[in-house]
C-alpha atoms as a PDB file:
ATOM      1  CA  MET A   1      94.467 124.312  87.433  1.00  0.00           C
ATOM      2  CA  ILE A   2      95.666 126.457  84.556  1.00  0.00           C
ATOM      3  CA  ASP A   3      96.683 124.479  81.448  1.00  0.00           C
ATOM      4  CA  ALA A   4      96.210 121.199  83.278  1.00  0.00           C
ATOM      5  CA  SER A   5      95.680 118.045  81.290  1.00  0.00           C
ATOM      6  CA  PRO A   6      92.311 116.292  81.520  1.00  0.00           C
ATOM      7  CA  ARG A   7      93.977 113.624  83.710  1.00  0.00           C
ATOM      8  CA  GLU A   8      95.395 116.273  86.070  1.00  0.00           C
ATOM      9  CA  LYS A   9      91.993 117.969  86.308  1.00  0.00           C
ATOM     10  CA  LEU A  10      90.285 114.677  87.146  1.00  0.00           C
ATOM     11  CA  LEU A  11      92.975 113.839  89.678  1.00  0.00           C
ATOM     12  CA  ASP A  12      92.645 117.223  91.364  1.00  0.00           C
ATOM     13  CA  ALA A  13      88.844 116.868  91.466  1.00  0.00           C
ATOM     14  CA  ALA A  14      89.171 113.362  92.911  1.00  0.00           C
ATOM     15  CA  ILE A  15      91.561 114.557  95.630  1.00  0.00           C
ATOM     16  CA  THR A  16      89.151 117.303  96.656  1.00  0.00           C
ATOM     17  CA  HIS A  17      86.126 115.020  96.499  1.00  0.00           C
ATOM     18  CA  ILE A  18      87.734 112.234  98.524  1.00  0.00           C
ATOM     19  CA  ALA A  19      88.970 114.730 101.119  1.00  0.00           C
ATOM     20  CA  HIS A  20      85.367 115.752 101.760  1.00  0.00           C
ATOM     21  CA  HIS A  21      83.375 112.604 101.009  1.00  0.00           C
ATOM     22  CA  GLY A  22      85.698 109.590 101.018  1.00  0.00           C
ATOM     23  CA  GLY A  23      85.681 107.296  98.047  1.00  0.00           C
ATOM     24  CA  ALA A  24      87.221 103.891  98.689  1.00  0.00           C
ATOM     25  CA  GLY A  25      83.816 102.336  99.302  1.00  0.00           C
ATOM     26  CA  LYS A  26      82.224 103.722  96.149  1.00  0.00           C
ATOM     27  CA  SER A  27      82.043 102.065  92.762  1.00  0.00           C
ATOM     28  CA  LEU A  28      83.949 103.517  89.845  1.00  0.00           C
ATOM     29  CA  ARG A  29      80.663 104.607  88.278  1.00  0.00           C
ATOM     30  CA  ALA A  30      79.603 106.408  91.468  1.00  0.00           C
ATOM     31  CA  LEU A  31      82.984 108.157  91.700  1.00  0.00           C
ATOM     32  CA  ALA A  32      82.701 109.169  88.045  1.00  0.00           C
ATOM     33  CA  THR A  33      79.253 110.641  88.649  1.00  0.00           C
ATOM     34  CA  ASP A  34      80.537 112.517  91.703  1.00  0.00           C
ATOM     35  CA  LEU A  35      83.410 113.900  89.618  1.00  0.00           C
ATOM     36  CA  GLY A  36      81.192 114.922  86.735  1.00  0.00           C
ATOM     37  CA  THR A  37      82.701 112.483  84.264  1.00  0.00           C
ATOM     38  CA  SER A  38      82.138 108.969  82.985  1.00  0.00           C
ATOM     39  CA  HIS A  39      83.576 105.738  84.286  1.00  0.00           C
ATOM     40  CA  ARG A  40      85.111 105.239  80.826  1.00  0.00           C
ATOM     41  CA  MET A  41      87.152 108.434  81.213  1.00  0.00           C
ATOM     42  CA  LEU A  42      88.386 107.292  84.623  1.00  0.00           C
ATOM     43  CA  ILE A  43      89.389 103.936  83.152  1.00  0.00           C
ATOM     44  CA  TYR A  44      91.106 105.699  80.249  1.00  0.00           C
ATOM     45  CA  HIS A  45      93.164 107.932  82.555  1.00  0.00           C
ATOM     46  CA  PHE A  46      93.704 105.656  85.565  1.00  0.00           C
ATOM     47  CA  GLY A  47      93.012 102.091  84.394  1.00  0.00           C
ATOM     48  CA  SER A  48      90.664 101.154  87.215  1.00  0.00           C
ATOM     49  CA  LYS A  49      89.099 102.409  90.423  1.00  0.00           C
ATOM     50  CA  GLU A  50      92.186 101.189  92.291  1.00  0.00           C
ATOM     51  CA  GLY A  51      94.384 103.042  89.810  1.00  0.00           C
ATOM     52  CA  LEU A  52      92.447 106.255  90.429  1.00  0.00           C
ATOM     53  CA  LEU A  53      92.622 105.877  94.201  1.00  0.00           C
ATOM     54  CA  THR A  54      96.326 105.034  94.057  1.00  0.00           C
ATOM     55  CA  ALA A  55      96.958 108.124  91.917  1.00  0.00           C
ATOM     56  CA  VAL A  56      95.068 110.189  94.512  1.00  0.00           C
ATOM     57  CA  ALA A  57      97.123 108.775  97.392  1.00  0.00           C
ATOM     58  CA  ARG A  58     100.419 109.285  95.552  1.00  0.00           C
ATOM     59  CA  GLU A  59      99.558 112.882  94.659  1.00  0.00           C
ATOM     60  CA  VAL A  60      98.467 113.703  98.217  1.00  0.00           C
ATOM     61  CA  GLU A  61     101.770 112.240  99.441  1.00  0.00           C
ATOM     62  CA  ALA A  62     103.699 114.348  96.900  1.00  0.00           C
ATOM     63  CA  ARG A  63     101.858 117.474  98.007  1.00  0.00           C
ATOM     64  CA  GLN A  64     102.635 116.728 101.647  1.00  0.00           C
ATOM     65  CA  ARG A  65     106.332 116.256 100.879  1.00  0.00           C
ATOM     66  CA  ALA A  66     106.285 119.642  99.129  1.00  0.00           C
ATOM     67  CA  ALA A  67     104.540 121.156 102.151  1.00  0.00           C
ATOM     68  CA  LEU A  68     107.250 119.757 104.432  1.00  0.00           C
ATOM     69  CA  ALA A  69     109.804 121.813 102.512  1.00  0.00           C
ATOM     70  CA  ASP A  70     107.742 124.944 103.213  1.00  0.00           C
ATOM     71  CA  VAL A  71     107.619 124.640 107.007  1.00  0.00           C
ATOM     72  CA  ALA A  72     110.269 125.708 109.448  1.00  0.00           C
ATOM     73  CA  ASP A  73     109.597 123.059 112.075  1.00  0.00           C
ATOM     74  CA  GLY A  74     108.180 119.585 112.493  1.00  0.00           C
ATOM     75  CA  ARG A  75     105.408 120.692 114.841  1.00  0.00           C
ATOM     76  CA  GLU A  76     103.830 122.887 112.179  1.00  0.00           C
ATOM     77  CA  PHE A  77     104.032 120.055 109.670  1.00  0.00           C
ATOM     78  CA  TRP A  78     102.426 117.679 112.190  1.00  0.00           C
ATOM     79  CA  ARG A  79      99.560 120.145 112.646  1.00  0.00           C
ATOM     80  CA  ARG A  80      99.024 120.116 108.877  1.00  0.00           C
ATOM     81  CA  LEU A  81      99.122 116.317 108.722  1.00  0.00           C
ATOM     82  CA  THR A  82      96.590 115.927 111.502  1.00  0.00           C
ATOM     83  CA  GLY A  83      94.186 118.522 110.143  1.00  0.00           C
ATOM     84  CA  GLU A  84      90.652 117.347 109.489  1.00  0.00           C
ATOM     85  CA  ASP A  85      90.982 118.205 105.779  1.00  0.00           C
ATOM     86  CA  LEU A  86      93.501 115.381 105.284  1.00  0.00           C
ATOM     87  CA  ARG A  87      91.749 112.707 107.362  1.00  0.00           C
ATOM     88  CA  ALA A  88      89.850 111.003 104.519  1.00  0.00           C
ATOM     89  CA  ASN A  89      92.946 110.991 102.310  1.00  0.00           C
ATOM     90  CA  GLU A  90      95.035 109.519 105.133  1.00  0.00           C
ATOM     91  CA  LYS A  91      92.453 106.802 105.673  1.00  0.00           C
ATOM     92  CA  LEU A  92      92.540 106.087 101.935  1.00  0.00           C
ATOM     93  CA  PHE A  93      96.350 105.900 102.069  1.00  0.00           C
ATOM     94  CA  PHE A  94      96.290 103.211 104.745  1.00  0.00           C
ATOM     95  CA  GLN A  95      93.539 101.249 103.002  1.00  0.00           C
ATOM     96  CA  LEU A  96      95.520 101.245  99.763  1.00  0.00           C
ATOM     97  CA  TYR A  97      98.806 100.523 101.547  1.00  0.00           C
ATOM     98  CA  GLY A  98      97.356  97.288 102.906  1.00  0.00           C
ATOM     99  CA  GLN A  99      95.950  96.372  99.508  1.00  0.00           C
ATOM    100  CA  ALA A 100      99.267  97.133  97.813  1.00  0.00           C
ATOM    101  CA  LEU A 101     101.153  94.962 100.285  1.00  0.00           C
ATOM    102  CA  GLY A 102      98.689  92.185  99.492  1.00  0.00           C
ATOM    103  CA  GLY A 103      99.307  92.597  95.759  1.00  0.00           C
ATOM    104  CA  THR A 104      95.883  93.962  94.801  1.00  0.00           C
ATOM    105  CA  PRO A 105      96.081  94.902  91.115  1.00  0.00           C
ATOM    106  CA  GLY A 106      96.092  98.651  90.520  1.00  0.00           C
ATOM    107  CA  THR A 107      97.471  99.452  93.974  1.00  0.00           C
ATOM    108  CA  THR A 108     101.028  98.106  93.980  1.00  0.00           C
ATOM    109  CA  GLU A 109     102.330 101.322  92.380  1.00  0.00           C
ATOM    110  CA  LEU A 110     101.702 102.983  95.755  1.00  0.00           C
ATOM    111  CA  LEU A 111     104.673 101.080  97.170  1.00  0.00           C
ATOM    112  CA  ASP A 112     107.094 102.739  94.735  1.00  0.00           C
ATOM    113  CA  GLY A 113     108.850 105.325  96.862  1.00  0.00           C
ATOM    114  CA  VAL A 114     106.367 105.136  99.744  1.00  0.00           C
ATOM    115  CA  ILE A 115     109.307 105.146 102.158  1.00  0.00           C
ATOM    116  CA  ASP A 116     112.309 106.367 100.176  1.00  0.00           C
ATOM    117  CA  ASP A 117     110.595 109.452  98.758  1.00  0.00           C
ATOM    118  CA  TRP A 118     110.117 110.755 102.304  1.00  0.00           C
ATOM    119  CA  LEU A 119     113.576 110.066 103.707  1.00  0.00           C
ATOM    120  CA  GLY A 120     115.355 112.969 101.978  1.00  0.00           C
ATOM    121  CA  PRO A 121     112.832 115.628 103.020  1.00  0.00           C
ATOM    122  CA  VAL A 122     112.774 114.312 106.588  1.00  0.00           C
ATOM    123  CA  GLU A 123     116.572 114.281 106.694  1.00  0.00           C
ATOM    124  CA  GLU A 124     116.546 117.937 105.634  1.00  0.00           C
ATOM    125  CA  LEU A 125     114.228 118.770 108.524  1.00  0.00           C
ATOM    126  CA  LEU A 126     116.479 116.828 110.891  1.00  0.00           C
ATOM    127  CA  ALA A 127     119.470 118.838 109.645  1.00  0.00           C
ATOM    128  CA  ALA A 128     117.627 121.995 110.660  1.00  0.00           C
ATOM    129  CA  TYR A 129     117.248 120.477 114.125  1.00  0.00           C
ATOM    130  CA  GLY A 130     121.003 119.901 114.282  1.00  0.00           C
ATOM    131  CA  VAL A 131     120.942 116.115 113.982  1.00  0.00           C
ATOM    132  CA  PRO A 132     124.407 114.940 112.890  1.00  0.00           C
ATOM    133  CA  ALA A 133     124.584 113.822 109.241  1.00  0.00           C
ATOM    134  CA  ALA A 134     125.619 110.281 110.180  1.00  0.00           C
ATOM    135  CA  ASP A 135     122.479 109.867 112.304  1.00  0.00           C
ATOM    136  CA  ARG A 136     119.983 111.353 109.859  1.00  0.00           C
ATOM    137  CA  PRO A 137     119.161 108.265 107.749  1.00  0.00           C
ATOM    138  CA  ALA A 138     118.133 106.168 110.756  1.00  0.00           C
ATOM    139  CA  GLU A 139     116.428 109.096 112.466  1.00  0.00           C
ATOM    140  CA  ALA A 140     114.491 109.914 109.273  1.00  0.00           C
ATOM    141  CA  ARG A 141     113.229 106.337 109.005  1.00  0.00           C
ATOM    142  CA  LEU A 142     112.301 106.367 112.688  1.00  0.00           C
ATOM    143  CA  GLY A 143     110.502 109.701 112.352  1.00  0.00           C
ATOM    144  CA  LEU A 144     108.572 108.494 109.302  1.00  0.00           C
ATOM    145  CA  ALA A 145     107.564 105.305 111.127  1.00  0.00           C
ATOM    146  CA  VAL A 146     106.419 107.257 114.187  1.00  0.00           C
ATOM    147  CA  ALA A 147     104.437 109.746 112.109  1.00  0.00           C
ATOM    148  CA  ARG A 148     102.762 107.030 110.042  1.00  0.00           C
ATOM    149  CA  GLY A 149     102.006 104.976 113.123  1.00  0.00           C
ATOM    150  CA  LEU A 150     100.424 107.935 114.862  1.00  0.00           C
ATOM    151  CA  LEU A 151      98.446 108.864 111.732  1.00  0.00           C
ATOM    152  CA  LEU A 152      97.139 105.295 111.583  1.00  0.00           C
ATOM    153  CA  ASP A 153      96.187 105.646 115.254  1.00  0.00           C
ATOM    154  CA  LEU A 154      94.404 108.913 114.453  1.00  0.00           C
ATOM    155  CA  VAL A 155      92.334 107.544 111.558  1.00  0.00           C
ATOM    156  CA  THR A 156      91.516 104.476 113.656  1.00  0.00           C
ATOM    157  CA  THR A 157      90.632 106.112 116.976  1.00  0.00           C
ATOM    158  CA  GLY A 158      90.036 109.768 116.138  1.00  0.00           C
ATOM    159  CA  ASP A 159      91.909 110.631 119.338  1.00  0.00           C
ATOM    160  CA  LEU A 160      93.770 113.745 118.223  1.00  0.00           C
ATOM    161  CA  ASP A 161      94.792 114.716 121.767  1.00  0.00           C
ATOM    162  CA  ALA A 162      96.474 111.356 122.352  1.00  0.00           C
ATOM    163  CA  VAL A 163      98.395 111.317 119.065  1.00  0.00           C
ATOM    164  CA  ASN A 164      99.454 114.929 119.568  1.00  0.00           C
ATOM    165  CA  ALA A 165     100.757 114.085 123.041  1.00  0.00           C
ATOM    166  CA  ALA A 166     102.695 111.131 121.662  1.00  0.00           C
ATOM    167  CA  MET A 167     104.172 113.218 118.854  1.00  0.00           C
ATOM    168  CA  ALA A 168     105.121 115.999 121.278  1.00  0.00           C
ATOM    169  CA  GLN A 169     107.006 113.457 123.369  1.00  0.00           C
ATOM    170  CA  PHE A 170     108.779 112.113 120.285  1.00  0.00           C
ATOM    171  CA  MET A 171     109.668 115.595 118.993  1.00  0.00           C
ATOM    172  CA  ALA A 172     111.082 116.574 122.388  1.00  0.00           C
ATOM    173  CA  ARG A 173     114.075 114.428 121.429  1.00  0.00           C
ATOM    174  CA  TYR A 174     115.117 117.123 118.964  1.00  0.00           C
ATOM    175  CA  GLU A 175     114.701 120.195 121.136  1.00  0.00           C
END
C-alpha cells in the first residue's frame, strides 16, 4: 500500500494473514507476532483482538462490495465469493456476526451496515438483469439472504458443488 497509514498497513497484513491462516482462535499476542508487530500496536489501532477482527471483516466486506461493481453478472461474483482465498475470511465473518448479535464488546460495529451497505450494490446488479425498480429492494434483500445462507453452508460443510447448484437454481430466476 503506497502512502498507507500504519493502521491501514496492519489491517491489510491482517486480512492477508487471516485469509491464509485464520485468526479467530489466536490470542492478540500471537496475531501480533504473526503480523510482525506488538500487541500494544494492535490495541492502539484496533482497541482489542475483537476490534482487529471486526475491522478485518468490515474491510473484506467493503472490498467485496467494490468487486461486485466490477463484474458484469452475478455468476462471476458468486465464483469470487466462493473462491478458496476468501473461505477463512467468510468463516471469520460468521463467527463475528454471531458474537456481534450477542453483544460481544468490540464486535457490535460489524452490525453497522451489514445488510444496508449491500442492498444498493445488489439492486444495481438486479437492474442489469432487468428486475423492475419496484421489485428491487425486496429482491436485493432476498438475494443477500440467499448468498449469505449459502456461504454459511459452504464454510460449514465445504460442499462447493451443492452450494453452487443451489445458487444456480436461485439465479435462474433472473435469466
